[in-house]
Every structure is written in C-alpha cells, then in structure tokens.
N, C-alpha and C. Protein backbone atom coordinates (compact mmCIF):
# COMPACT_ATOMS: atom_id res chain seq x y z
N MET A 1 -7.61 -1.88 -36.60
CA MET A 1 -6.53 -2.30 -35.30
C MET A 1 -6.81 -3.39 -34.36
N ALA A 2 -6.06 -4.46 -34.20
CA ALA A 2 -6.02 -5.55 -33.45
C ALA A 2 -5.25 -5.36 -31.79
N ASP A 3 -4.77 -4.24 -31.47
CA ASP A 3 -3.93 -4.32 -30.43
C ASP A 3 -4.88 -3.66 -29.02
N LEU A 4 -5.01 -4.77 -28.09
CA LEU A 4 -6.03 -3.93 -26.56
C LEU A 4 -5.57 -3.29 -26.34
N HIS A 5 -4.19 -2.74 -26.81
CA HIS A 5 -3.53 -1.37 -25.74
C HIS A 5 -3.89 0.03 -26.71
N THR A 6 -4.70 0.27 -27.68
CA THR A 6 -4.94 0.83 -28.59
C THR A 6 -6.02 1.97 -28.18
N TYR A 7 -5.37 2.63 -28.13
CA TYR A 7 -6.57 3.47 -27.36
C TYR A 7 -6.83 5.19 -28.38
N THR A 8 -7.26 6.43 -28.13
CA THR A 8 -7.56 6.93 -28.57
C THR A 8 -8.37 8.20 -27.60
N ALA A 9 -7.00 9.21 -27.39
CA ALA A 9 -8.38 10.51 -26.75
C ALA A 9 -8.45 12.09 -27.38
N SER A 10 -9.68 12.37 -27.11
CA SER A 10 -10.02 13.17 -26.59
C SER A 10 -10.40 14.22 -25.64
N ASP A 11 -9.53 15.57 -26.25
CA ASP A 11 -9.53 16.37 -25.08
C ASP A 11 -10.62 17.63 -25.40
N SER A 12 -11.28 17.42 -24.31
CA SER A 12 -11.88 19.15 -23.60
C SER A 12 -11.63 19.22 -22.58
N ASP A 13 -12.63 20.35 -21.84
CA ASP A 13 -12.21 21.23 -20.83
C ASP A 13 -11.14 20.37 -19.72
N ARG A 14 -12.39 19.71 -18.92
CA ARG A 14 -12.01 18.45 -17.95
C ARG A 14 -12.25 16.78 -18.43
N ILE A 15 -12.36 16.77 -19.46
CA ILE A 15 -12.53 15.50 -19.40
C ILE A 15 -12.00 14.99 -20.88
N ARG A 16 -11.34 13.62 -20.57
CA ARG A 16 -10.74 12.61 -21.70
C ARG A 16 -11.14 11.77 -21.93
N ARG A 17 -11.45 11.30 -23.15
CA ARG A 17 -12.05 10.14 -23.44
C ARG A 17 -10.72 9.20 -24.36
N PHE A 18 -10.51 8.29 -23.55
CA PHE A 18 -9.94 6.96 -24.43
C PHE A 18 -11.12 5.86 -24.60
N VAL A 19 -10.85 4.99 -26.01
CA VAL A 19 -11.51 4.47 -26.81
C VAL A 19 -10.17 2.94 -26.40
N VAL A 20 -10.80 2.27 -26.08
CA VAL A 20 -10.24 0.95 -26.00
C VAL A 20 -10.83 -0.16 -27.23
N GLU A 21 -10.01 -0.83 -27.99
CA GLU A 21 -10.28 -1.50 -28.93
C GLU A 21 -11.22 -3.18 -28.30
N ASP A 22 -11.07 -3.76 -27.04
CA ASP A 22 -11.58 -4.71 -26.48
C ASP A 22 -12.02 -4.53 -25.27
N ALA A 23 -13.02 -4.13 -25.33
CA ALA A 23 -14.19 -4.06 -24.02
C ALA A 23 -14.57 -4.84 -23.04
N GLU A 24 -14.04 -5.92 -23.41
CA GLU A 24 -14.18 -6.92 -22.19
C GLU A 24 -12.30 -6.95 -21.16
N ALA A 25 -11.65 -5.98 -22.07
CA ALA A 25 -10.71 -5.27 -20.86
C ALA A 25 -10.88 -4.69 -19.46
N LEU A 26 -12.04 -4.33 -19.82
CA LEU A 26 -12.20 -2.72 -19.13
C LEU A 26 -13.51 -3.44 -18.05
N ALA A 27 -14.60 -2.78 -17.58
CA ALA A 27 -15.02 -3.56 -16.67
C ALA A 27 -16.41 -4.17 -16.40
N GLY A 28 -16.61 -4.33 -17.94
CA GLY A 28 -17.69 -5.72 -18.33
C GLY A 28 -18.98 -4.73 -18.68
N PRO A 29 -19.84 -5.41 -18.78
CA PRO A 29 -20.57 -5.02 -19.71
C PRO A 29 -21.50 -3.32 -18.42
N GLY A 30 -22.49 -2.67 -19.22
CA GLY A 30 -22.77 -1.37 -18.49
C GLY A 30 -22.02 -0.53 -18.15
N ARG A 31 -22.46 0.66 -17.16
CA ARG A 31 -22.02 1.62 -16.66
C ARG A 31 -20.94 2.04 -15.64
N HIS A 32 -19.80 1.91 -15.51
CA HIS A 32 -19.29 2.31 -14.21
C HIS A 32 -18.39 3.16 -13.75
N ARG A 33 -19.31 3.68 -12.89
CA ARG A 33 -18.31 5.23 -12.50
C ARG A 33 -17.65 5.40 -11.41
N PHE A 34 -16.80 5.47 -10.68
CA PHE A 34 -16.13 5.73 -9.94
C PHE A 34 -15.76 7.59 -9.68
N SER A 35 -15.86 7.60 -8.34
CA SER A 35 -15.76 8.26 -7.73
C SER A 35 -14.57 9.45 -7.06
N GLY A 36 -13.64 8.01 -6.24
CA GLY A 36 -12.70 8.03 -5.95
C GLY A 36 -12.07 7.00 -5.70
N ALA A 37 -11.00 7.08 -5.25
CA ALA A 37 -9.62 5.46 -5.05
C ALA A 37 -10.48 4.80 -4.07
N ASP A 38 -11.39 5.14 -3.05
CA ASP A 38 -12.10 4.21 -2.02
C ASP A 38 -13.04 3.30 -3.09
N ASP A 39 -13.65 3.73 -3.88
CA ASP A 39 -14.30 3.77 -4.05
C ASP A 39 -14.83 2.75 -5.62
N THR A 40 -13.46 2.27 -5.58
CA THR A 40 -12.97 1.59 -7.13
C THR A 40 -13.43 0.08 -7.09
N ARG A 41 -13.82 -0.76 -5.83
CA ARG A 41 -14.17 -2.01 -5.90
C ARG A 41 -13.55 -3.19 -6.52
N GLY A 42 -12.51 -3.12 -6.35
CA GLY A 42 -11.18 -3.82 -7.06
C GLY A 42 -11.28 -3.93 -8.81
N GLN A 43 -11.74 -3.25 -8.92
CA GLN A 43 -11.43 -2.52 -10.59
C GLN A 43 -10.08 -2.12 -11.07
N PRO A 44 -9.19 -3.22 -11.54
CA PRO A 44 -8.16 -2.25 -11.98
C PRO A 44 -7.67 -1.33 -12.51
N ILE A 45 -8.35 -1.20 -13.98
CA ILE A 45 -7.95 0.21 -14.52
C ILE A 45 -8.77 1.30 -13.51
N ALA A 46 -9.89 1.44 -12.87
CA ALA A 46 -10.62 2.14 -12.33
C ALA A 46 -9.40 2.83 -11.07
N GLU A 47 -8.62 1.24 -10.15
CA GLU A 47 -7.80 1.73 -9.40
C GLU A 47 -5.82 2.06 -10.51
N ALA A 48 -5.78 1.80 -11.97
CA ALA A 48 -5.11 2.00 -11.60
C ALA A 48 -4.34 3.74 -11.81
N LEU A 49 -5.77 4.21 -12.22
CA LEU A 49 -6.03 5.69 -12.81
C LEU A 49 -6.09 6.76 -11.59
N PHE A 50 -6.63 6.18 -10.29
CA PHE A 50 -6.57 7.18 -9.54
C PHE A 50 -5.56 7.47 -8.76
N ALA A 51 -4.27 6.08 -9.27
CA ALA A 51 -3.36 6.03 -8.18
C ALA A 51 -2.83 7.31 -8.87
N VAL A 52 -2.90 8.16 -9.82
CA VAL A 52 -2.48 9.41 -10.20
C VAL A 52 -3.22 10.23 -10.66
N PRO A 53 -2.51 11.33 -9.25
CA PRO A 53 -2.25 12.27 -8.74
C PRO A 53 -2.71 13.19 -9.58
N GLY A 54 -4.55 13.95 -9.13
CA GLY A 54 -5.27 14.70 -10.31
C GLY A 54 -6.39 14.27 -10.78
N VAL A 55 -6.72 12.98 -10.72
CA VAL A 55 -7.64 12.37 -11.11
C VAL A 55 -8.60 12.30 -10.49
N GLN A 56 -9.58 13.35 -10.74
CA GLN A 56 -10.83 13.31 -10.28
C GLN A 56 -12.71 12.20 -9.97
N GLU A 57 -12.67 11.98 -11.14
CA GLU A 57 -13.77 10.63 -11.19
C GLU A 57 -13.29 10.03 -12.61
N VAL A 58 -13.59 8.73 -12.57
CA VAL A 58 -13.56 7.75 -13.64
C VAL A 58 -15.27 7.38 -14.30
N LEU A 59 -15.49 7.58 -15.23
CA LEU A 59 -16.17 6.69 -15.97
C LEU A 59 -15.82 5.92 -16.81
N ILE A 60 -16.54 3.89 -17.03
CA ILE A 60 -16.65 3.31 -18.09
C ILE A 60 -17.59 2.42 -18.71
N GLU A 61 -17.39 2.68 -19.55
CA GLU A 61 -18.62 2.93 -20.39
C GLU A 61 -18.50 1.88 -22.14
N GLY A 62 -18.85 0.65 -21.87
CA GLY A 62 -18.67 -0.11 -23.18
C GLY A 62 -16.81 -0.10 -23.23
N ASN A 63 -16.14 0.45 -24.12
CA ASN A 63 -15.22 0.72 -24.37
C ASN A 63 -14.65 1.49 -24.71
N ALA A 64 -15.33 2.44 -23.95
CA ALA A 64 -14.40 3.58 -23.47
C ALA A 64 -14.59 4.50 -21.95
N VAL A 65 -13.29 4.67 -21.60
CA VAL A 65 -13.37 5.79 -20.64
C VAL A 65 -12.63 6.63 -20.50
N LEU A 66 -13.72 7.54 -19.49
CA LEU A 66 -13.76 8.85 -19.38
C LEU A 66 -12.98 9.47 -18.42
N VAL A 67 -12.03 10.38 -18.38
CA VAL A 67 -11.15 10.42 -16.93
C VAL A 67 -11.38 12.15 -16.51
N LEU A 68 -11.80 12.39 -15.25
CA LEU A 68 -12.38 13.88 -15.41
C LEU A 68 -11.46 14.30 -14.42
N ARG A 69 -10.64 15.45 -14.82
CA ARG A 69 -9.66 15.45 -14.19
C ARG A 69 -9.48 16.75 -12.99
N ARG A 70 -9.06 16.85 -11.81
CA ARG A 70 -9.36 18.03 -10.84
C ARG A 70 -8.84 19.75 -11.48
N PRO A 71 -9.98 20.31 -10.88
CA PRO A 71 -10.04 21.82 -11.54
C PRO A 71 -8.24 22.52 -11.74
N ASP A 72 -7.70 21.87 -10.76
CA ASP A 72 -6.71 22.62 -10.22
C ASP A 72 -5.72 21.84 -11.06
N ALA A 73 -5.68 20.55 -11.76
CA ALA A 73 -4.99 19.98 -12.35
C ALA A 73 -5.05 20.29 -14.21
N SER A 74 -4.19 20.01 -14.82
CA SER A 74 -3.97 20.51 -16.19
C SER A 74 -3.75 19.05 -17.02
N TRP A 75 -4.33 19.25 -18.53
CA TRP A 75 -4.46 17.55 -18.67
C TRP A 75 -2.45 17.81 -19.42
N GLU A 76 -1.95 18.98 -19.42
CA GLU A 76 -0.24 18.91 -19.87
C GLU A 76 0.27 17.85 -19.04
N ALA A 77 -0.03 18.39 -17.28
CA ALA A 77 0.54 17.66 -16.46
C ALA A 77 0.28 15.84 -16.20
N LEU A 78 -1.09 15.79 -16.75
CA LEU A 78 -1.68 14.39 -16.42
C LEU A 78 -1.65 13.70 -17.40
N GLY A 79 -1.38 13.92 -18.56
CA GLY A 79 -1.87 13.07 -20.03
C GLY A 79 -0.93 11.91 -20.29
N ASP A 80 0.41 12.13 -19.71
CA ASP A 80 1.02 11.22 -19.85
C ASP A 80 1.25 10.14 -19.18
N ARG A 81 0.57 10.24 -17.95
CA ARG A 81 0.35 9.73 -16.81
C ARG A 81 -0.52 8.84 -16.36
N VAL A 82 -2.17 9.62 -17.22
CA VAL A 82 -3.25 8.81 -17.29
C VAL A 82 -2.76 7.60 -18.38
N SER A 83 -2.21 8.37 -19.71
CA SER A 83 -1.71 7.27 -20.80
C SER A 83 -1.06 5.71 -19.81
N TYR A 84 -0.45 6.70 -19.46
CA TYR A 84 0.73 4.66 -18.77
C TYR A 84 0.12 4.27 -17.77
N ALA A 85 -1.24 4.64 -16.94
CA ALA A 85 -1.73 4.05 -16.14
C ALA A 85 -2.59 3.44 -16.89
N LEU A 86 -3.47 3.51 -17.85
CA LEU A 86 -4.29 2.59 -18.69
C LEU A 86 -3.83 1.97 -19.00
N SER A 87 -3.01 2.21 -20.07
CA SER A 87 -2.09 1.61 -20.65
C SER A 87 -0.95 -0.31 -20.08
N THR A 88 -0.80 0.49 -18.54
CA THR A 88 -0.26 -0.53 -17.83
C THR A 88 -1.52 -1.24 -16.96
N ALA A 89 -2.77 -0.87 -16.64
CA ALA A 89 -3.39 -1.42 -16.27
C ALA A 89 -4.29 -2.80 -17.57
N LEU A 90 -4.17 -2.08 -18.66
CA LEU A 90 -5.17 -2.64 -19.49
C LEU A 90 -3.60 -4.39 -20.42
N ALA A 91 -2.73 -4.04 -19.95
CA ALA A 91 -1.59 -5.14 -19.92
C ALA A 91 -1.89 -6.04 -19.23
N GLY A 92 -2.30 -5.98 -17.63
CA GLY A 92 -2.01 -6.60 -16.34
C GLY A 92 -2.73 -7.58 -16.94
N PRO A 93 -2.59 -8.86 -16.10
CA PRO A 93 -3.19 -10.48 -16.12
C PRO A 93 -4.55 -10.18 -15.77
N ARG A 94 -5.17 -11.14 -16.07
CA ARG A 94 -6.67 -11.10 -16.40
C ARG A 94 -6.89 -12.41 -14.82
N ASP A 95 -6.17 -12.94 -15.04
CA ASP A 95 -6.74 -14.24 -13.98
C ASP A 95 -5.36 -13.18 -12.56
N HIS A 96 -5.95 -12.98 -11.51
CA HIS A 96 -4.95 -12.76 -10.75
C HIS A 96 -4.22 -13.33 -9.84
N ALA A 97 -4.78 -14.68 -9.36
CA ALA A 97 -3.41 -15.24 -8.02
C ALA A 97 -2.54 -16.92 -9.21
N ALA A 98 -2.17 -17.29 -8.22
CA ALA A 98 -1.10 -18.12 -9.11
C ALA A 98 -2.15 -19.39 -8.00
N SER A 99 -2.40 -20.60 -8.86
CA SER A 99 -3.03 -21.59 -7.96
C SER A 99 -2.10 -22.51 -7.36
N GLY A 100 -2.56 -23.16 -6.62
CA GLY A 100 -1.45 -24.37 -5.65
C GLY A 100 -0.86 -23.37 -3.82
N PRO A 101 -0.55 -25.03 -3.75
CA PRO A 101 -0.30 -24.35 -2.41
C PRO A 101 -0.01 -23.21 -1.85
N ALA A 102 -0.09 -22.59 -0.68
CA ALA A 102 0.60 -21.47 -0.11
C ALA A 102 2.43 -21.38 -0.02
N LEU A 103 2.99 -20.38 -0.37
CA LEU A 103 4.52 -20.61 -0.50
C LEU A 103 5.13 -20.37 1.11
N ASP A 104 5.87 -20.34 1.68
CA ASP A 104 6.23 -19.97 3.09
C ASP A 104 7.06 -18.67 2.91
N ASP A 105 7.46 -18.12 3.80
CA ASP A 105 8.20 -16.41 3.24
C ASP A 105 9.40 -16.88 2.67
N ASP A 106 10.65 -17.70 3.17
CA ASP A 106 11.46 -18.29 2.09
C ASP A 106 11.17 -18.39 1.01
N ALA A 107 10.22 -19.19 0.54
CA ALA A 107 10.20 -19.96 -0.44
C ALA A 107 9.61 -18.65 -1.28
N ILE A 108 8.66 -17.67 -1.16
CA ILE A 108 8.47 -16.70 -1.35
C ILE A 108 9.33 -15.68 -1.71
N PHE A 109 10.73 -15.54 -0.95
CA PHE A 109 11.65 -14.50 -1.07
C PHE A 109 12.86 -15.31 -2.71
N GLU A 110 12.72 -16.01 -2.20
CA GLU A 110 13.76 -16.40 -3.24
C GLU A 110 12.97 -16.44 -4.84
N LEU A 111 12.06 -17.12 -4.81
CA LEU A 111 11.46 -17.07 -6.70
C LEU A 111 10.95 -15.29 -6.62
N THR A 112 10.62 -15.00 -5.32
CA THR A 112 10.69 -13.07 -5.81
C THR A 112 11.80 -12.37 -6.29
N GLU A 113 13.27 -13.01 -5.68
CA GLU A 113 14.08 -12.46 -5.89
C GLU A 113 15.16 -13.09 -7.51
N ARG A 114 14.59 -14.38 -7.65
CA ARG A 114 14.66 -14.15 -9.24
C ARG A 114 13.63 -13.70 -10.25
N ILE A 115 12.29 -13.16 -9.54
CA ILE A 115 11.71 -12.54 -10.53
C ILE A 115 11.89 -10.96 -10.80
N PHE A 116 12.48 -10.45 -9.96
CA PHE A 116 13.33 -9.66 -9.86
C PHE A 116 14.33 -8.89 -10.82
N ALA A 117 15.42 -10.21 -10.32
CA ALA A 117 16.28 -10.12 -11.25
C ALA A 117 16.39 -10.36 -12.82
N ARG A 118 15.48 -11.48 -13.16
CA ARG A 118 14.90 -11.83 -14.52
C ARG A 118 14.31 -10.86 -15.25
N ASP A 119 12.74 -10.14 -14.71
CA ASP A 119 11.88 -9.92 -15.65
C ASP A 119 11.56 -8.27 -14.88
N ILE A 120 11.27 -7.91 -13.72
CA ILE A 120 11.08 -7.01 -12.78
C ILE A 120 12.57 -5.29 -12.78
N ASN A 121 13.36 -5.59 -12.78
CA ASN A 121 14.49 -4.57 -12.78
C ASN A 121 14.96 -4.31 -14.36
N PRO A 122 15.10 -4.82 -15.10
CA PRO A 122 15.61 -4.34 -16.25
C PRO A 122 14.52 -4.02 -16.88
N SER A 123 13.45 -3.96 -16.73
CA SER A 123 11.80 -3.42 -17.33
C SER A 123 12.02 -1.84 -16.28
N VAL A 124 11.82 -1.96 -15.04
CA VAL A 124 12.31 -0.40 -14.45
C VAL A 124 13.99 -0.10 -14.79
N ALA A 125 14.66 -0.43 -15.15
CA ALA A 125 16.24 0.31 -15.25
C ALA A 125 16.00 0.85 -16.64
N GLN A 126 15.00 0.35 -17.49
CA GLN A 126 15.07 1.01 -18.56
C GLN A 126 14.72 2.89 -18.21
N HIS A 127 13.96 2.86 -17.26
CA HIS A 127 13.58 4.41 -16.63
C HIS A 127 14.56 4.87 -15.75
N GLY A 128 15.27 4.24 -15.47
CA GLY A 128 16.35 4.69 -14.81
C GLY A 128 16.03 4.35 -13.94
N GLY A 129 15.15 3.23 -12.98
CA GLY A 129 15.00 2.95 -11.44
C GLY A 129 15.67 1.53 -11.05
N LYS A 130 15.23 1.10 -10.14
CA LYS A 130 15.34 -0.62 -9.37
C LYS A 130 14.42 -0.19 -8.47
N VAL A 131 14.10 -2.14 -7.97
CA VAL A 131 13.23 -2.64 -6.64
C VAL A 131 14.16 -3.23 -6.33
N GLU A 132 13.49 -2.94 -5.14
CA GLU A 132 15.21 -3.69 -4.14
C GLU A 132 14.20 -5.00 -3.11
N LEU A 133 14.46 -6.02 -3.42
CA LEU A 133 13.66 -6.58 -2.53
C LEU A 133 14.24 -7.00 -0.95
N ILE A 134 12.97 -6.31 0.05
CA ILE A 134 13.92 -6.51 1.57
C ILE A 134 13.77 -7.31 1.96
N ASP A 135 12.60 -7.68 2.36
CA ASP A 135 12.11 -9.32 3.14
C ASP A 135 10.96 -9.35 2.79
N VAL A 136 10.10 -10.29 3.03
CA VAL A 136 8.72 -11.44 2.85
C VAL A 136 8.60 -11.70 4.25
N GLN A 137 7.42 -10.91 4.77
CA GLN A 137 6.62 -11.07 6.28
C GLN A 137 5.34 -11.54 5.99
N ASP A 138 4.65 -12.88 6.60
CA ASP A 138 3.85 -13.17 6.31
C ASP A 138 2.96 -12.95 5.32
N GLY A 139 3.60 -13.43 4.27
CA GLY A 139 3.11 -13.72 2.77
C GLY A 139 3.50 -11.90 1.67
N THR A 140 3.95 -11.21 2.72
CA THR A 140 3.72 -9.92 2.11
C THR A 140 5.53 -9.49 1.75
N VAL A 141 5.34 -9.37 0.19
CA VAL A 141 6.87 -8.65 -0.35
C VAL A 141 7.18 -7.47 -0.12
N ILE A 142 7.92 -7.22 0.64
CA ILE A 142 7.94 -5.77 0.96
C ILE A 142 9.74 -5.37 0.38
N VAL A 143 9.40 -4.41 -0.18
CA VAL A 143 10.54 -3.68 -1.46
C VAL A 143 10.97 -2.26 -1.03
N ARG A 144 11.82 -1.86 -1.60
CA ARG A 144 11.81 -0.35 -1.70
C ARG A 144 12.16 -0.16 -3.03
N MET A 145 11.94 1.44 -4.00
CA MET A 145 12.27 1.58 -4.90
C MET A 145 13.27 2.89 -5.05
N LEU A 146 14.12 2.75 -5.93
CA LEU A 146 15.38 3.38 -5.66
C LEU A 146 15.33 4.04 -7.20
N GLY A 147 16.46 4.86 -7.03
CA GLY A 147 16.92 5.93 -8.89
C GLY A 147 15.32 6.31 -9.21
N GLY A 148 15.16 6.32 -10.31
CA GLY A 148 13.72 7.01 -10.93
C GLY A 148 12.70 6.65 -10.51
N CYS A 149 12.49 5.87 -9.58
CA CYS A 149 11.34 5.17 -9.59
C CYS A 149 11.01 5.45 -7.87
N GLN A 150 11.99 6.72 -7.22
CA GLN A 150 12.03 6.88 -5.72
C GLN A 150 11.02 8.40 -6.19
N GLY A 151 10.03 8.16 -5.90
CA GLY A 151 9.42 9.93 -6.19
C GLY A 151 8.85 10.19 -7.57
N CYS A 152 8.56 8.71 -7.74
CA CYS A 152 8.13 9.36 -9.59
C CYS A 152 6.60 9.12 -8.88
N GLY A 153 5.52 9.85 -9.64
CA GLY A 153 4.23 9.79 -9.65
C GLY A 153 3.99 9.04 -10.28
N MET A 154 4.28 7.68 -10.93
CA MET A 154 3.65 6.33 -11.29
C MET A 154 3.67 5.16 -10.09
N ALA A 155 4.80 5.69 -9.42
CA ALA A 155 5.50 4.51 -8.59
C ALA A 155 4.20 3.62 -8.31
N ASN A 156 3.06 3.89 -7.60
CA ASN A 156 1.85 3.33 -7.14
C ASN A 156 1.64 2.29 -8.07
N VAL A 157 1.27 2.66 -9.68
CA VAL A 157 0.87 2.12 -10.55
C VAL A 157 2.01 0.81 -10.93
N THR A 158 2.82 1.59 -10.99
CA THR A 158 4.30 0.05 -11.19
C THR A 158 4.06 -0.38 -10.15
N LEU A 159 3.46 -0.19 -8.78
CA LEU A 159 3.70 -1.72 -8.10
C LEU A 159 2.45 -2.40 -7.95
N ARG A 160 1.71 -1.89 -8.27
CA ARG A 160 0.16 -2.81 -7.95
C ARG A 160 -0.33 -3.21 -9.56
N GLN A 161 -0.12 -2.62 -10.61
CA GLN A 161 -0.47 -2.65 -12.18
C GLN A 161 0.51 -4.01 -12.36
N GLY A 162 1.80 -3.17 -12.02
CA GLY A 162 2.97 -4.05 -12.82
C GLY A 162 3.64 -5.48 -11.89
N ILE A 163 3.90 -4.91 -10.59
CA ILE A 163 5.31 -5.89 -10.38
C ILE A 163 3.55 -6.98 -9.32
N GLU A 164 2.76 -6.18 -8.23
CA GLU A 164 2.26 -7.36 -7.99
C GLU A 164 1.42 -8.07 -8.58
N ALA A 165 0.95 -7.22 -9.73
CA ALA A 165 0.47 -8.59 -10.57
C ALA A 165 1.23 -9.58 -11.34
N SER A 166 2.06 -9.31 -11.62
CA SER A 166 3.18 -10.53 -12.03
C SER A 166 3.06 -11.34 -11.18
N LEU A 167 3.76 -10.85 -9.70
CA LEU A 167 4.37 -11.87 -8.36
C LEU A 167 2.67 -12.79 -8.55
N ARG A 168 1.91 -12.62 -8.04
CA ARG A 168 0.38 -12.88 -7.94
C ARG A 168 0.06 -14.02 -9.19
N LYS A 169 1.09 -13.54 -10.37
CA LYS A 169 0.79 -14.58 -11.44
C LYS A 169 0.90 -16.04 -11.07
N VAL A 170 2.53 -16.06 -10.31
CA VAL A 170 3.30 -17.48 -9.82
C VAL A 170 3.63 -17.90 -8.81
N ILE A 171 2.97 -16.37 -7.87
CA ILE A 171 3.29 -17.24 -6.04
C ILE A 171 2.54 -17.45 -5.46
N PRO A 172 1.62 -18.85 -5.16
CA PRO A 172 0.62 -19.31 -4.43
C PRO A 172 0.68 -18.76 -3.35
N GLY A 173 -0.12 -17.60 -2.56
CA GLY A 173 -0.24 -17.36 -1.11
C GLY A 173 0.55 -16.12 -0.68
N LEU A 174 0.61 -15.32 -2.02
CA LEU A 174 0.77 -13.84 -1.71
C LEU A 174 -0.12 -12.83 -1.43
N ARG A 175 0.30 -12.51 -0.34
CA ARG A 175 -0.78 -11.78 0.33
C ARG A 175 -0.93 -9.82 0.16
N GLY A 176 0.07 -10.02 -0.84
CA GLY A 176 0.43 -8.21 -1.06
C GLY A 176 1.76 -7.90 -1.18
N LEU A 177 1.88 -6.74 -1.28
CA LEU A 177 3.12 -6.17 -1.38
C LEU A 177 2.98 -4.73 -0.76
N ALA A 178 4.15 -4.43 0.37
CA ALA A 178 4.28 -3.39 0.88
C ALA A 178 5.37 -2.49 0.15
N ASP A 179 5.58 -0.94 0.25
CA ASP A 179 6.26 -0.22 -0.54
C ASP A 179 7.11 0.42 0.64
N ILE A 180 8.03 0.45 1.38
CA ILE A 180 8.72 1.50 2.27
C ILE A 180 9.68 2.50 1.73
N THR A 181 9.82 2.52 0.25
CA THR A 181 10.65 3.93 0.13
C THR A 181 9.22 5.47 0.43
N ASP A 182 10.81 6.18 0.83
CA ASP A 182 10.92 7.78 0.65
C ASP A 182 10.45 8.03 -0.14
N HIS A 183 9.32 7.86 -1.02
CA HIS A 183 9.32 9.02 -2.31
C HIS A 183 9.51 10.31 -1.97
N ALA A 184 8.83 11.04 -0.84
CA ALA A 184 9.47 12.08 -0.63
C ALA A 184 10.46 12.57 -1.12
N SER A 185 11.56 12.19 -0.90
CA SER A 185 12.99 12.51 -0.93
C SER A 185 13.89 11.81 -2.18
N GLY A 186 13.12 11.08 -3.39
CA GLY A 186 13.47 11.11 -4.48
C GLY A 186 13.45 12.24 -5.26
N ARG A 187 14.78 12.09 -5.96
CA ARG A 187 15.46 13.18 -6.69
C ARG A 187 15.72 12.98 -8.47
N ASN A 188 15.01 12.19 -8.81
CA ASN A 188 15.43 12.16 -10.10
C ASN A 188 14.32 11.10 -10.89
N PRO A 189 12.72 11.30 -10.57
CA PRO A 189 11.81 10.17 -10.82
C PRO A 189 11.57 10.48 -12.51
N TYR A 190 10.92 9.67 -13.06
CA TYR A 190 11.13 8.78 -14.39
C TYR A 190 9.87 10.51 -15.08
N PHE A 191 8.51 10.55 -14.25
CA PHE A 191 7.74 11.35 -14.75
C PHE A 191 7.93 12.52 -13.82
N LYS A 192 8.09 13.82 -13.97
CA LYS A 192 8.31 14.71 -13.40
C LYS A 192 6.55 15.88 -13.05
C-alpha cells in the first residue's frame, strides 16, 4: 500500500487503533499523548480528532494513532467521524503558510471569493453544504456555513483542516478564519 490515507482500525471496548503507512505524516518520532483539545500543541491530527465530540484522549506513536472514546460515547456514533477527521488531517498541507508580503483585507476577500467558487464550495456541495464568505477583518476571513454544513458534527474539522489550511497555502498574511454559523439551528447536517 502506498497511499498516505490508508489506515486500518481495530476495535476494542474504548480504544480504536488506526495505522497510517507514512509515519512522517503523524507527530514525528517518539510517543505523543494528548489528553484534551487544549493539549494538542498545534498538532493537526490531534486537533482534528478532538474536534469530534466524544474523543477523550489521543496517543500517536510511530505510525499508529490510538483514540480513546469517552465512556458515554459509542464507536457506532464516533467511527465515521473519527475516520473522516483523521483522513482530512492527513490530507492537509505540511507547509502551513504562503510566503510573500501580507495582503490587505480587500485582496484577501477577492482571493478567498475565487477559491470558494473554484475549490471549496464544489467540494462541500457534494455533502449538501455551502460556505458563504461574509467579510475579511484584520486578516481574518469570516464565514457562515449553510445547508448540510450547518450543524454538522464535522464542521470544525472542515473549517480548520480543510478550508483554513487551503487558504493559508495561498494567502500570505492570513490571520485565521472565524465561523459565525449558528450550528445549533442546523436541520440537515451531513453527519447526524
């Protein structure tokens, strides 16, 4: 197998183990234990996994990722979400920021608008969603998620590991992404 996104899962009571062929895509050499979202230390895979409600702990060692679920969560509810978060994080860029002089807010808006039309929205439309560009303020792109994205349990993973990572690759000076979506009122999320 030569595919970076290839992983296998073995189930136990509370732990699921994923094996990734390319260990360099993970946290680097050694053992890395993450006990919560505040403890991810900028590690994209851990960040993506803690965006999934029900994940209690993550251990990355070599080419293995072990995910401990909370006692009140089930693998039936978490399995697809964890797999999606892991594959999205693995597909993300390894170089995080575009180089060059920082763009002003108007230039960031124009470029983001083109990227949304060409790349982002066609992709999220496959899951019944849409991402609306609202504004750019002080280098921060402000968005609202619609359709299947509104209320989706994986919206944060899509925003951080997909959209923000893509924008950072091409927009120098991007400070971040802010989501103003009312996810609690979403009625048709892709993941239930």
